[in-house]
Amino acid sequence: MDNHKEENPYCVLSLSECSRDSLEEVGGKNANLGEMINQGFAVPEGFAISVQAYQRVLEEIKDKV
């Protein structure tokens, strides 16, 4: 059985695309900022890097840092 989660091809998401439903994908802070935006709070525009993208970068540079 393959337990590998299907990877989202989008590495960068607008904070307005984030919500509590994307917690595992973008992390807690980004998910909460997205929730605030979606509920009408004044949050500056921004973006989130996916957890998978972050982990890929760390894997690629682990021997260089």
Protein backbone atom coordinates (compact mmCIF):
# COMPACT_ATOMS: atom_id res chain seq x y z
CA MET A 1 0.00 0.00 0.00
CA ASP A 2 1.33 3.47 -0.97
CA ASN A 3 0.99 5.99 1.89
CA HIS A 4 2.54 8.84 -0.12
CA LYS A 5 0.24 11.89 -0.07
CA GLU A 6 -0.50 13.43 -3.44
CA GLU A 7 1.63 16.54 -3.73
CA ASN A 8 0.08 19.91 -4.52
CA PRO A 9 1.85 21.31 -7.59
CA TYR A 10 1.44 24.86 -6.25
CA CYS A 11 4.31 25.84 -3.98
CA VAL A 12 3.13 29.40 -3.35
CA LEU A 13 -0.40 30.33 -2.35
CA SER A 14 -2.01 33.66 -1.61
CA LEU A 15 -2.87 33.99 2.07
CA SER A 16 -6.50 34.48 1.03
CA GLU A 17 -6.41 30.91 -0.36
CA CYS A 18 -5.40 29.55 3.06
CA SER A 19 -7.81 28.40 5.77
CA ARG A 20 -8.04 25.93 8.62
CA ASP A 21 -8.62 23.29 5.93
CA SER A 22 -5.10 23.93 4.56
CA LEU A 23 -3.34 23.64 7.94
CA GLU A 24 -1.23 20.62 6.94
CA GLU A 25 -0.39 22.20 3.59
CA VAL A 26 0.71 25.68 4.74
CA GLY A 27 1.22 25.46 8.51
CA GLY A 28 -0.60 27.06 11.39
CA LYS A 29 0.37 30.70 11.04
CA ASN A 30 -0.54 30.88 7.35
CA ALA A 31 -3.79 28.97 7.90
CA ASN A 32 -4.77 31.36 10.70
CA LEU A 33 -3.90 34.45 8.65
CA GLY A 34 -6.05 33.07 5.84
CA GLU A 35 -8.92 32.52 8.25
CA MET A 36 -8.61 36.11 9.45
CA ILE A 37 -8.63 37.44 5.85
CA ASN A 38 -11.64 35.28 4.97
CA GLN A 39 -13.51 36.62 8.02
CA GLY A 40 -12.92 40.23 6.98
CA PHE A 41 -10.01 41.24 9.22
CA ALA A 42 -7.55 43.76 7.79
CA VAL A 43 -4.50 41.60 7.09
CA PRO A 44 -1.80 42.79 4.67
CA GLU A 45 -1.60 40.88 1.40
CA GLY A 46 0.89 38.06 1.51
CA PHE A 47 1.73 34.57 0.41
CA ALA A 48 2.44 31.19 1.91
CA ILE A 49 5.06 28.66 0.88
CA SER A 50 3.74 25.12 1.11
CA VAL A 51 5.19 22.80 3.74
CA GLN A 52 6.13 20.36 0.97
CA ALA A 53 8.07 23.03 -0.93
CA TYR A 54 9.87 24.08 2.24
CA GLN A 55 10.81 20.47 3.01
CA ARG A 56 12.09 19.95 -0.56
CA VAL A 57 14.35 22.99 -0.27
CA LEU A 58 15.67 21.83 3.11
CA GLU A 59 16.41 18.39 1.63
CA GLU A 60 18.28 19.95 -1.30
CA ILE A 61 20.47 22.20 0.87
CA LYS A 62 21.00 19.99 3.93
CA ASP A 63 24.58 19.12 2.96
CA LYS A 64 25.41 22.73 2.07
CA VAL A 65 24.55 24.41 5.35
